[in-house]
Amino acid sequence: MLKLEKQIEIGREAHRRRLEARRLSEEADKVLEEAQAEIERMIDYS
């Protein structure tokens, strides 16, 4: 594989991983918000 082709492949993979990391981070934030709301409801009902 030519050096330029390899660099392009690496760049695409890095971009794909950044997008996946962003998606996972947003998903984790949502789960955290839901857990926080559930805990607050539990505290309110006790």
PDB file of N, CA and C in Angstrom:
ATOM      1  N   MET A   1       0.858  -1.191   0.000  1.00  0.00           N
ATOM      2  CA  MET A   1       0.000   0.000   0.000  1.00  0.00           C
ATOM      3  C   MET A   1       0.894   1.242   0.000  1.00  0.00           C
ATOM      4  N   LEU A   2       0.538   2.194  -0.797  1.00  0.00           N
ATOM      5  CA  LEU A   2       1.319   3.423  -0.872  1.00  0.00           C
ATOM      6  C   LEU A   2       1.189   4.213   0.419  1.00  0.00           C
ATOM      7  N   LYS A   3       2.203   5.011   0.694  1.00  0.00           N
ATOM      8  CA  LYS A   3       2.217   5.790   1.925  1.00  0.00           C
ATOM      9  C   LYS A   3       0.995   6.704   2.024  1.00  0.00           C
ATOM     10  N   LEU A   4       0.642   7.378   0.936  1.00  0.00           N
ATOM     11  CA  LEU A   4      -0.512   8.281   0.950  1.00  0.00           C
ATOM     12  C   LEU A   4      -1.808   7.510   1.207  1.00  0.00           C
ATOM     13  N   GLU A   5      -1.952   6.344   0.572  1.00  0.00           N
ATOM     14  CA  GLU A   5      -3.148   5.524   0.794  1.00  0.00           C
ATOM     15  C   GLU A   5      -3.250   5.103   2.257  1.00  0.00           C
ATOM     16  N   LYS A   6      -2.118   4.751   2.839  1.00  0.00           N
ATOM     17  CA  LYS A   6      -2.098   4.342   4.246  1.00  0.00           C
ATOM     18  C   LYS A   6      -2.499   5.520   5.138  1.00  0.00           C
ATOM     19  N   GLN A   7      -1.993   6.703   4.841  1.00  0.00           N
ATOM     20  CA  GLN A   7      -2.346   7.889   5.626  1.00  0.00           C
ATOM     21  C   GLN A   7      -3.841   8.184   5.528  1.00  0.00           C
ATOM     22  N   ILE A   8      -4.399   8.034   4.335  1.00  0.00           N
ATOM     23  CA  ILE A   8      -5.838   8.260   4.141  1.00  0.00           C
ATOM     24  C   ILE A   8      -6.631   7.236   4.944  1.00  0.00           C
ATOM     25  N   GLU A   9      -6.209   5.980   4.884  1.00  0.00           N
ATOM     26  CA  GLU A   9      -6.888   4.922   5.636  1.00  0.00           C
ATOM     27  C   GLU A   9      -6.848   5.205   7.141  1.00  0.00           C
ATOM     28  N   ILE A  10      -5.694   5.612   7.629  1.00  0.00           N
ATOM     29  CA  ILE A  10      -5.547   5.934   9.053  1.00  0.00           C
ATOM     30  C   ILE A  10      -6.423   7.128   9.415  1.00  0.00           C
ATOM     31  N   GLY A  11      -6.456   8.133   8.566  1.00  0.00           N
ATOM     32  CA  GLY A  11      -7.294   9.308   8.812  1.00  0.00           C
ATOM     33  C   GLY A  11      -8.768   8.952   8.877  1.00  0.00           C
ATOM     34  N   ARG A  12      -9.210   8.093   7.975  1.00  0.00           N
ATOM     35  CA  ARG A  12     -10.618   7.666   7.979  1.00  0.00           C
ATOM     36  C   ARG A  12     -10.946   6.888   9.247  1.00  0.00           C
ATOM     37  N   GLU A  13     -10.048   6.002   9.636  1.00  0.00           N
ATOM     38  CA  GLU A  13     -10.275   5.212  10.851  1.00  0.00           C
ATOM     39  C   GLU A  13     -10.297   6.117  12.082  1.00  0.00           C
ATOM     40  N   ALA A  14      -9.406   7.083  12.137  1.00  0.00           N
ATOM     41  CA  ALA A  14      -9.390   8.022  13.261  1.00  0.00           C
ATOM     42  C   ALA A  14     -10.696   8.804  13.311  1.00  0.00           C
ATOM     43  N   HIS A  15     -11.183   9.240  12.159  1.00  0.00           N
ATOM     44  CA  HIS A  15     -12.452   9.971  12.095  1.00  0.00           C
ATOM     45  C   HIS A  15     -13.601   9.085  12.575  1.00  0.00           C
ATOM     46  N   ARG A  16     -13.625   7.841  12.107  1.00  0.00           N
ATOM     47  CA  ARG A  16     -14.669   6.905  12.516  1.00  0.00           C
ATOM     48  C   ARG A  16     -14.652   6.697  14.032  1.00  0.00           C
ATOM     49  N   ARG A  17     -13.465   6.568  14.587  1.00  0.00           N
ATOM     50  CA  ARG A  17     -13.354   6.358  16.039  1.00  0.00           C
ATOM     51  C   ARG A  17     -13.771   7.597  16.819  1.00  0.00           C
ATOM     52  N   ARG A  18     -13.457   8.784  16.305  1.00  0.00           N
ATOM     53  CA  ARG A  18     -13.902  10.013  16.981  1.00  0.00           C
ATOM     54  C   ARG A  18     -15.419  10.106  16.985  1.00  0.00           C
ATOM     55  N   LEU A  19     -16.042   9.777  15.853  1.00  0.00           N
ATOM     56  CA  LEU A  19     -17.509   9.798  15.783  1.00  0.00           C
ATOM     57  C   LEU A  19     -18.113   8.790  16.759  1.00  0.00           C
ATOM     58  N   GLU A  20     -17.550   7.599  16.818  1.00  0.00           N
ATOM     59  CA  GLU A  20     -18.047   6.572  17.735  1.00  0.00           C
ATOM     60  C   GLU A  20     -17.860   7.013  19.189  1.00  0.00           C
ATOM     61  N   ALA A  21     -16.723   7.618  19.490  1.00  0.00           N
ATOM     62  CA  ALA A  21     -16.478   8.106  20.848  1.00  0.00           C
ATOM     63  C   ALA A  21     -17.483   9.188  21.221  1.00  0.00           C
ATOM     64  N   ARG A  22     -17.781  10.083  20.294  1.00  0.00           N
ATOM     65  CA  ARG A  22     -18.768  11.135  20.550  1.00  0.00           C
ATOM     66  C   ARG A  22     -20.145  10.524  20.804  1.00  0.00           C
ATOM     67  N   ARG A  23     -20.518   9.536  19.980  1.00  0.00           N
ATOM     68  CA  ARG A  23     -21.816   8.874  20.138  1.00  0.00           C
ATOM     69  C   ARG A  23     -21.904   8.181  21.499  1.00  0.00           C
ATOM     70  N   LEU A  24     -20.854   7.479  21.872  1.00  0.00           N
ATOM     71  CA  LEU A  24     -20.849   6.784  23.158  1.00  0.00           C
ATOM     72  C   LEU A  24     -20.890   7.768  24.322  1.00  0.00           C
ATOM     73  N   SER A  25     -20.202   8.879  24.192  1.00  0.00           N
ATOM     74  CA  SER A  25     -20.216   9.900  25.233  1.00  0.00           C
ATOM     75  C   SER A  25     -21.611  10.483  25.406  1.00  0.00           C
ATOM     76  N   GLU A  26     -22.275  10.762  24.290  1.00  0.00           N
ATOM     77  CA  GLU A  26     -23.641  11.297  24.364  1.00  0.00           C
ATOM     78  C   GLU A  26     -24.591  10.272  24.973  1.00  0.00           C
ATOM     79  N   GLU A  27     -24.410   9.006  24.614  1.00  0.00           N
ATOM     80  CA  GLU A  27     -25.243   7.941  25.176  1.00  0.00           C
ATOM     81  C   GLU A  27     -25.001   7.822  26.681  1.00  0.00           C
ATOM     82  N   ALA A  28     -23.749   7.899  27.093  1.00  0.00           N
ATOM     83  CA  ALA A  28     -23.419   7.822  28.515  1.00  0.00           C
ATOM     84  C   ALA A  28     -24.012   9.005  29.276  1.00  0.00           C
ATOM     85  N   ASP A  29     -23.957  10.191  28.696  1.00  0.00           N
ATOM     86  CA  ASP A  29     -24.561  11.368  29.336  1.00  0.00           C
ATOM     87  C   ASP A  29     -26.056  11.166  29.544  1.00  0.00           C
ATOM     88  N   LYS A  30     -26.718  10.582  28.555  1.00  0.00           N
ATOM     89  CA  LYS A  30     -28.157  10.337  28.652  1.00  0.00           C
ATOM     90  C   LYS A  30     -28.458   9.335  29.766  1.00  0.00           C
ATOM     91  N   VAL A  31     -27.696   8.259  29.827  1.00  0.00           N
ATOM     92  CA  VAL A  31     -27.886   7.254  30.876  1.00  0.00           C
ATOM     93  C   VAL A  31     -27.655   7.883  32.247  1.00  0.00           C
ATOM     94  N   LEU A  32     -26.641   8.711  32.363  1.00  0.00           N
ATOM     95  CA  LEU A  32     -26.354   9.381  33.627  1.00  0.00           C
ATOM     96  C   LEU A  32     -27.496  10.298  34.037  1.00  0.00           C
ATOM     97  N   GLU A  33     -28.030  11.065  33.095  1.00  0.00           N
ATOM     98  CA  GLU A  33     -29.160  11.948  33.393  1.00  0.00           C
ATOM     99  C   GLU A  33     -30.371  11.148  33.857  1.00  0.00           C
ATOM    100  N   GLU A  34     -30.641  10.022  33.190  1.00  0.00           N
ATOM    101  CA  GLU A  34     -31.776   9.181  33.571  1.00  0.00           C
ATOM    102  C   GLU A  34     -31.575   8.602  34.968  1.00  0.00           C
ATOM    103  N   ALA A  35     -30.373   8.152  35.268  1.00  0.00           N
ATOM    104  CA  ALA A  35     -30.081   7.601  36.589  1.00  0.00           C
ATOM    105  C   ALA A  35     -30.216   8.675  37.659  1.00  0.00           C
ATOM    106  N   GLN A  36     -29.740   9.863  37.362  1.00  0.00           N
ATOM    107  CA  GLN A  36     -29.833  10.972  38.304  1.00  0.00           C
ATOM    108  C   GLN A  36     -31.297  11.304  38.592  1.00  0.00           C
ATOM    109  N   ALA A  37     -32.132  11.340  37.562  1.00  0.00           N
ATOM    110  CA  ALA A  37     -33.555  11.625  37.732  1.00  0.00           C
ATOM    111  C   ALA A  37     -34.223  10.531  38.559  1.00  0.00           C
ATOM    112  N   GLU A  38     -33.849   9.283  38.310  1.00  0.00           N
ATOM    113  CA  GLU A  38     -34.427   8.172  39.071  1.00  0.00           C
ATOM    114  C   GLU A  38     -34.048   8.266  40.546  1.00  0.00           C
ATOM    115  N   ILE A  39     -32.806   8.596  40.819  1.00  0.00           N
ATOM    116  CA  ILE A  39     -32.361   8.744  42.208  1.00  0.00           C
ATOM    117  C   ILE A  39     -33.098   9.890  42.883  1.00  0.00           C
ATOM    118  N   GLU A  40     -33.272  10.994  42.174  1.00  0.00           N
ATOM    119  CA  GLU A  40     -34.002  12.129  42.743  1.00  0.00           C
ATOM    120  C   GLU A  40     -35.446  11.749  43.054  1.00  0.00           C
ATOM    121  N   ARG A  41     -36.077  10.958  42.169  1.00  0.00           N
ATOM    122  CA  ARG A  41     -37.444  10.491  42.435  1.00  0.00           C
ATOM    123  C   ARG A  41     -37.475   9.598  43.668  1.00  0.00           C
ATOM    124  N   MET A  42     -36.483   8.731  43.802  1.00  0.00           N
ATOM    125  CA  MET A  42     -36.420   7.835  44.962  1.00  0.00           C
ATOM    126  C   MET A  42     -36.280   8.644  46.247  1.00  0.00           C
ATOM    127  N   ILE A  43     -35.474   9.686  46.205  1.00  0.00           N
ATOM    128  CA  ILE A  43     -35.279  10.532  47.391  1.00  0.00           C
ATOM    129  C   ILE A  43     -36.564  11.270  47.715  1.00  0.00           C
ATOM    130  N   ASP A  44     -37.253  11.779  46.695  1.00  0.00           N
ATOM    131  CA  ASP A  44     -38.500  12.517  46.911  1.00  0.00           C
ATOM    132  C   ASP A  44     -39.576  11.635  47.528  1.00  0.00           C
ATOM    133  N   TYR A  45     -39.588  10.345  47.186  1.00  0.00           N
ATOM    134  CA  TYR A  45     -40.629   9.446  47.678  1.00  0.00           C
ATOM    135  C   TYR A  45     -40.299   8.849  49.039  1.00  0.00           C
ATOM    136  N   SER A  46     -39.104   9.065  49.528  1.00  0.00           N
ATOM    137  CA  SER A  46     -38.746   8.472  50.822  1.00  0.00           C
ATOM    138  C   SER A  46     -39.050   9.407  51.971  1.00  0.00           C
TER     139      SER A  46
END
